Amino acid sequence: MSQKQQKGKQGTKGIKQIVEENQQTLSFYRNMVFISNAVFLSVTCVLFDLFTTINIVMLIISALIYVGSYQFMVYMAKAKYSDSGQLFDSGVDLNMEGGIAEHVKDLIILASISQLLSLFSNYFWWLLALAPARGFWMLWKNILGPWFFQPAPEDPQTDPKKQRKMERKMARGRY
């Protein structure tokens, strides 16, 4: 009934395991892009002849999202090998929670969902507007908001000796 809690610290992945999981992640998202494009193109071109201007423009925008996001993930996951061919850096773990790769994967998922749902109505293309809205929200929450609303710096406590010296200077300046 209850889950067994692990004692000690969480185990870490080896660099070979990270490279293998990154390759699996990249192939999964590559397949997702190909399948959603294949379904969209086959339905719009072959079955319903719905290839309108809005569909062409939004297909280009979603293709730019796919290519940019996928290439960014490939760049992040690029493993580095020594001259002898030994793996010494696995690249960024694409499956790490809270990392930038998580947001890039969400962007690919959002583009795929909006592309497939647009087969029912062109209004579903508006789901792509969630990406810049979320980006602005993260920028506000993590950078702009704390910067605008940070408390004013407090005067550091000065040394009592310096404080007396400042008081004497102030007293001399008044007369």
C-alpha atoms as a PDB file:
ATOM      1  CA  MET A   1       0.000   0.000   0.000  1.00  0.00           C
ATOM      2  CA  SER A   2       2.682   2.505   0.942  1.00  0.00           C
ATOM      3  CA  GLN A   3       5.673   3.119  -1.244  1.00  0.00           C
ATOM      4  CA  LYS A   4       9.029   2.159   0.123  1.00  0.00           C
ATOM      5  CA  GLN A   5      11.179   5.244   0.594  1.00  0.00           C
ATOM      6  CA  GLN A   6      14.767   5.085  -0.460  1.00  0.00           C
ATOM      7  CA  LYS A   7      17.368   5.693   2.209  1.00  0.00           C
ATOM      8  CA  GLY A   8      20.412   7.803   1.530  1.00  0.00           C
ATOM      9  CA  LYS A   9      20.990  10.012  -1.428  1.00  0.00           C
ATOM     10  CA  GLN A  10      19.633   9.392  -4.887  1.00  0.00           C
ATOM     11  CA  GLY A  11      21.902   7.459  -7.222  1.00  0.00           C
ATOM     12  CA  THR A  12      23.499   9.238 -10.133  1.00  0.00           C
ATOM     13  CA  LYS A  13      23.538   8.140 -13.726  1.00  0.00           C
ATOM     14  CA  GLY A  14      26.692   7.154 -15.495  1.00  0.00           C
ATOM     15  CA  ILE A  15      27.757   9.068 -18.568  1.00  0.00           C
ATOM     16  CA  LYS A  16      27.108   6.084 -20.847  1.00  0.00           C
ATOM     17  CA  GLN A  17      23.568   5.791 -19.485  1.00  0.00           C
ATOM     18  CA  ILE A  18      22.969   9.508 -20.065  1.00  0.00           C
ATOM     19  CA  VAL A  19      24.170   9.210 -23.675  1.00  0.00           C
ATOM     20  CA  GLU A  20      21.875   6.215 -24.301  1.00  0.00           C
ATOM     21  CA  GLU A  21      18.854   7.917 -22.722  1.00  0.00           C
ATOM     22  CA  ASN A  22      19.546  11.109 -24.664  1.00  0.00           C
ATOM     23  CA  GLN A  23      19.565   9.118 -27.921  1.00  0.00           C
ATOM     24  CA  GLN A  24      16.251   7.489 -26.970  1.00  0.00           C
ATOM     25  CA  THR A  25      14.752  10.880 -26.092  1.00  0.00           C
ATOM     26  CA  LEU A  26      15.920  12.417 -29.350  1.00  0.00           C
ATOM     27  CA  SER A  27      14.508   9.543 -31.400  1.00  0.00           C
ATOM     28  CA  PHE A  28      11.184   9.750 -29.525  1.00  0.00           C
ATOM     29  CA  TYR A  29      10.750  13.465 -30.251  1.00  0.00           C
ATOM     30  CA  ARG A  30      11.980  13.047 -33.838  1.00  0.00           C
ATOM     31  CA  ASN A  31       9.324  10.355 -34.352  1.00  0.00           C
ATOM     32  CA  MET A  32       6.708  12.584 -32.734  1.00  0.00           C
ATOM     33  CA  VAL A  33       7.522  15.369 -35.194  1.00  0.00           C
ATOM     34  CA  PHE A  34       7.463  13.038 -38.214  1.00  0.00           C
ATOM     35  CA  ILE A  35       4.198  11.382 -37.223  1.00  0.00           C
ATOM     36  CA  SER A  36       2.358  14.631 -36.482  1.00  0.00           C
ATOM     37  CA  ASN A  37       3.577  16.131 -39.766  1.00  0.00           C
ATOM     38  CA  ALA A  38       2.645  12.996 -41.712  1.00  0.00           C
ATOM     39  CA  VAL A  39      -0.853  12.904 -40.236  1.00  0.00           C
ATOM     40  CA  PHE A  40      -1.358  16.639 -40.786  1.00  0.00           C
ATOM     41  CA  LEU A  41      -0.102  16.606 -44.369  1.00  0.00           C
ATOM     42  CA  SER A  42      -2.006  13.469 -45.336  1.00  0.00           C
ATOM     43  CA  VAL A  43      -5.283  14.740 -43.921  1.00  0.00           C
ATOM     44  CA  THR A  44      -4.988  18.285 -45.291  1.00  0.00           C
ATOM     45  CA  CYS A  45      -3.642  17.410 -48.734  1.00  0.00           C
ATOM     46  CA  VAL A  46      -5.121  14.035 -49.548  1.00  0.00           C
ATOM     47  CA  LEU A  47      -8.386  13.679 -47.725  1.00  0.00           C
ATOM     48  CA  PHE A  48      -9.904  17.116 -47.328  1.00  0.00           C
ATOM     49  CA  ASP A  49      -7.871  19.405 -49.554  1.00  0.00           C
ATOM     50  CA  LEU A  50      -7.702  21.908 -46.685  1.00  0.00           C
ATOM     51  CA  PHE A  51      -4.342  23.351 -47.648  1.00  0.00           C
ATOM     52  CA  THR A  52      -5.280  26.985 -47.151  1.00  0.00           C
ATOM     53  CA  THR A  53      -3.019  29.984 -46.597  1.00  0.00           C
ATOM     54  CA  ILE A  54      -3.393  29.822 -42.824  1.00  0.00           C
ATOM     55  CA  ASN A  55      -2.478  26.136 -42.821  1.00  0.00           C
ATOM     56  CA  ILE A  56       0.614  26.772 -44.956  1.00  0.00           C
ATOM     57  CA  VAL A  57       1.809  29.649 -42.761  1.00  0.00           C
ATOM     58  CA  MET A  58       1.182  27.760 -39.541  1.00  0.00           C
ATOM     59  CA  LEU A  59       2.830  24.628 -40.943  1.00  0.00           C
ATOM     60  CA  ILE A  60       5.944  26.706 -41.649  1.00  0.00           C
ATOM     61  CA  ILE A  61       5.852  28.200 -38.136  1.00  0.00           C
ATOM     62  CA  SER A  62       5.443  24.786 -36.527  1.00  0.00           C
ATOM     63  CA  ALA A  63       8.238  23.412 -38.740  1.00  0.00           C
ATOM     64  CA  LEU A  64      10.515  26.217 -37.518  1.00  0.00           C
ATOM     65  CA  ILE A  65       9.596  25.327 -33.928  1.00  0.00           C
ATOM     66  CA  TYR A  66      10.303  21.658 -34.575  1.00  0.00           C
ATOM     67  CA  VAL A  67      13.638  22.202 -36.298  1.00  0.00           C
ATOM     68  CA  GLY A  68      14.861  24.827 -33.827  1.00  0.00           C
ATOM     69  CA  SER A  69      13.845  22.853 -30.754  1.00  0.00           C
ATOM     70  CA  TYR A  70      15.159  19.537 -32.028  1.00  0.00           C
ATOM     71  CA  GLN A  71      18.484  20.992 -33.145  1.00  0.00           C
ATOM     72  CA  PHE A  72      18.866  22.724 -29.784  1.00  0.00           C
ATOM     73  CA  MET A  73      18.292  19.395 -28.019  1.00  0.00           C
ATOM     74  CA  VAL A  74      20.835  17.706 -30.320  1.00  0.00           C
ATOM     75  CA  TYR A  75      23.350  20.431 -29.503  1.00  0.00           C
ATOM     76  CA  MET A  76      22.722  20.084 -25.771  1.00  0.00           C
ATOM     77  CA  ALA A  77      23.020  16.296 -25.816  1.00  0.00           C
ATOM     78  CA  LYS A  78      26.176  16.180 -27.915  1.00  0.00           C
ATOM     79  CA  ALA A  79      28.637  13.818 -26.270  1.00  0.00           C
ATOM     80  CA  LYS A  80      32.348  14.587 -26.315  1.00  0.00           C
ATOM     81  CA  TYR A  81      34.942  11.935 -26.964  1.00  0.00           C
ATOM     82  CA  SER A  82      38.684  11.998 -26.411  1.00  0.00           C
ATOM     83  CA  ASP A  83      41.193  11.495 -29.226  1.00  0.00           C
ATOM     84  CA  SER A  84      41.355   7.802 -28.366  1.00  0.00           C
ATOM     85  CA  GLY A  85      37.571   7.515 -28.762  1.00  0.00           C
ATOM     86  CA  GLN A  86      36.782   7.274 -25.072  1.00  0.00           C
ATOM     87  CA  LEU A  87      33.663   9.052 -23.849  1.00  0.00           C
ATOM     88  CA  PHE A  88      34.530  11.784 -21.348  1.00  0.00           C
ATOM     89  CA  ASP A  89      31.490  14.109 -21.445  1.00  0.00           C
ATOM     90  CA  SER A  90      27.924  12.963 -21.956  1.00  0.00           C
ATOM     91  CA  GLY A  91      26.460  16.364 -22.736  1.00  0.00           C
ATOM     92  CA  VAL A  92      23.409  17.687 -20.927  1.00  0.00           C
ATOM     93  CA  ASP A  93      20.957  15.130 -19.557  1.00  0.00           C
ATOM     94  CA  LEU A  94      17.789  15.772 -21.586  1.00  0.00           C
ATOM     95  CA  ASN A  95      15.666  13.909 -19.030  1.00  0.00           C
ATOM     96  CA  MET A  96      16.765  15.979 -16.038  1.00  0.00           C
ATOM     97  CA  GLU A  97      13.847  17.536 -14.176  1.00  0.00           C
ATOM     98  CA  GLY A  98      13.721  21.311 -14.130  1.00  0.00           C
ATOM     99  CA  GLY A  99      16.278  21.764 -16.893  1.00  0.00           C
ATOM    100  CA  ILE A 100      15.992  23.798 -20.071  1.00  0.00           C
ATOM    101  CA  ALA A 101      15.500  20.588 -22.074  1.00  0.00           C
ATOM    102  CA  GLU A 102      12.205  20.051 -20.287  1.00  0.00           C
ATOM    103  CA  HIS A 103      10.893  23.349 -21.661  1.00  0.00           C
ATOM    104  CA  VAL A 104      12.167  22.567 -25.164  1.00  0.00           C
ATOM    105  CA  LYS A 105      10.427  19.182 -25.097  1.00  0.00           C
ATOM    106  CA  ASP A 106       7.226  20.902 -23.934  1.00  0.00           C
ATOM    107  CA  LEU A 107       7.492  23.236 -26.919  1.00  0.00           C
ATOM    108  CA  ILE A 108       7.678  20.301 -29.340  1.00  0.00           C
ATOM    109  CA  ILE A 109       4.688  18.669 -27.642  1.00  0.00           C
ATOM    110  CA  LEU A 110       2.701  21.928 -27.796  1.00  0.00           C
ATOM    111  CA  ALA A 111       3.433  22.359 -31.507  1.00  0.00           C
ATOM    112  CA  SER A 112       2.446  18.745 -32.246  1.00  0.00           C
ATOM    113  CA  ILE A 113      -0.797  19.004 -30.301  1.00  0.00           C
ATOM    114  CA  SER A 114      -1.804  22.302 -31.887  1.00  0.00           C
ATOM    115  CA  GLN A 115      -0.928  20.977 -35.347  1.00  0.00           C
ATOM    116  CA  LEU A 116      -3.045  17.854 -34.928  1.00  0.00           C
ATOM    117  CA  LEU A 117      -5.946  19.661 -33.282  1.00  0.00           C
ATOM    118  CA  SER A 118      -5.957  22.215 -36.095  1.00  0.00           C
ATOM    119  CA  LEU A 119      -7.337  19.459 -38.299  1.00  0.00           C
ATOM    120  CA  PHE A 120     -10.619  19.975 -36.461  1.00  0.00           C
ATOM    121  CA  SER A 121     -10.524  23.772 -36.335  1.00  0.00           C
ATOM    122  CA  ASN A 122      -8.004  26.427 -37.319  1.00  0.00           C
ATOM    123  CA  TYR A 123      -8.606  28.117 -33.979  1.00  0.00           C
ATOM    124  CA  PHE A 124      -6.394  25.465 -32.342  1.00  0.00           C
ATOM    125  CA  TRP A 125      -3.379  27.135 -33.950  1.00  0.00           C
ATOM    126  CA  TRP A 126      -3.803  29.771 -31.245  1.00  0.00           C
ATOM    127  CA  LEU A 127      -2.438  27.232 -28.770  1.00  0.00           C
ATOM    128  CA  LEU A 128       1.011  28.153 -30.112  1.00  0.00           C
ATOM    129  CA  ALA A 129       0.541  31.556 -28.467  1.00  0.00           C
ATOM    130  CA  LEU A 130       0.917  29.780 -25.129  1.00  0.00           C
ATOM    131  CA  ALA A 131       4.657  29.339 -25.752  1.00  0.00           C
ATOM    132  CA  PRO A 132       5.613  33.040 -25.727  1.00  0.00           C
ATOM    133  CA  ALA A 133       3.125  33.654 -22.916  1.00  0.00           C
ATOM    134  CA  ARG A 134       4.793  30.977 -20.793  1.00  0.00           C
ATOM    135  CA  GLY A 135       8.223  32.323 -21.720  1.00  0.00           C
ATOM    136  CA  PHE A 136       7.226  35.801 -20.572  1.00  0.00           C
ATOM    137  CA  TRP A 137       5.753  34.373 -17.369  1.00  0.00           C
ATOM    138  CA  MET A 138       8.993  32.528 -16.590  1.00  0.00           C
ATOM    139  CA  LEU A 139      11.019  35.661 -17.383  1.00  0.00           C
ATOM    140  CA  TRP A 140       8.811  37.716 -15.072  1.00  0.00           C
ATOM    141  CA  LYS A 141       8.760  35.159 -12.254  1.00  0.00           C
ATOM    142  CA  ASN A 142      12.473  34.372 -12.270  1.00  0.00           C
ATOM    143  CA  ILE A 143      14.160  37.593 -13.387  1.00  0.00           C
ATOM    144  CA  LEU A 144      12.023  40.704 -13.818  1.00  0.00           C
ATOM    145  CA  GLY A 145       9.660  40.371 -10.842  1.00  0.00           C
ATOM    146  CA  PRO A 146      12.345  39.798  -8.219  1.00  0.00           C
ATOM    147  CA  TRP A 147      14.423  42.570  -9.750  1.00  0.00           C
ATOM    148  CA  PHE A 148      11.570  45.122  -9.687  1.00  0.00           C
ATOM    149  CA  PHE A 149      10.251  44.193  -6.267  1.00  0.00           C
ATOM    150  CA  GLN A 150      13.441  43.501  -4.355  1.00  0.00           C
ATOM    151  CA  PRO A 151      13.665  45.329  -1.036  1.00  0.00           C
ATOM    152  CA  ALA A 152      15.910  48.351  -0.838  1.00  0.00           C
ATOM    153  CA  PRO A 153      19.351  47.548   0.481  1.00  0.00           C
ATOM    154  CA  GLU A 154      19.666  48.244   4.155  1.00  0.00           C
ATOM    155  CA  ASP A 155      22.480  50.371   5.535  1.00  0.00           C
ATOM    156  CA  PRO A 156      25.180  48.071   6.746  1.00  0.00           C
ATOM    157  CA  GLN A 157      26.054  48.429  10.396  1.00  0.00           C
ATOM    158  CA  THR A 158      29.084  50.629  10.576  1.00  0.00           C
ATOM    159  CA  ASP A 159      31.910  50.160  12.971  1.00  0.00           C
ATOM    160  CA  PRO A 160      31.311  52.173  16.214  1.00  0.00           C
ATOM    161  CA  LYS A 161      34.668  53.857  15.714  1.00  0.00           C
ATOM    162  CA  LYS A 162      33.704  54.972  12.217  1.00  0.00           C
ATOM    163  CA  GLN A 163      30.302  56.061  13.486  1.00  0.00           C
ATOM    164  CA  ARG A 164      31.875  58.395  16.080  1.00  0.00           C
ATOM    165  CA  LYS A 165      34.229  59.782  13.448  1.00  0.00           C
ATOM    166  CA  MET A 166      31.287  60.513  11.135  1.00  0.00           C
ATOM    167  CA  GLU A 167      29.406  62.210  13.977  1.00  0.00           C
ATOM    168  CA  ARG A 168      32.406  64.457  14.707  1.00  0.00           C
ATOM    169  CA  LYS A 169      32.662  65.405  11.029  1.00  0.00           C
ATOM    170  CA  MET A 170      28.962  66.211  10.943  1.00  0.00           C
ATOM    171  CA  ALA A 171      29.232  68.312  14.101  1.00  0.00           C
ATOM    172  CA  ARG A 172      32.158  70.319  12.672  1.00  0.00           C
ATOM    173  CA  GLY A 173      30.313  70.942   9.434  1.00  0.00           C
ATOM    174  CA  ARG A 174      27.289  72.538  11.147  1.00  0.00           C
ATOM    175  CA  TYR A 175      29.103  75.426  12.805  1.00  0.00           C
END
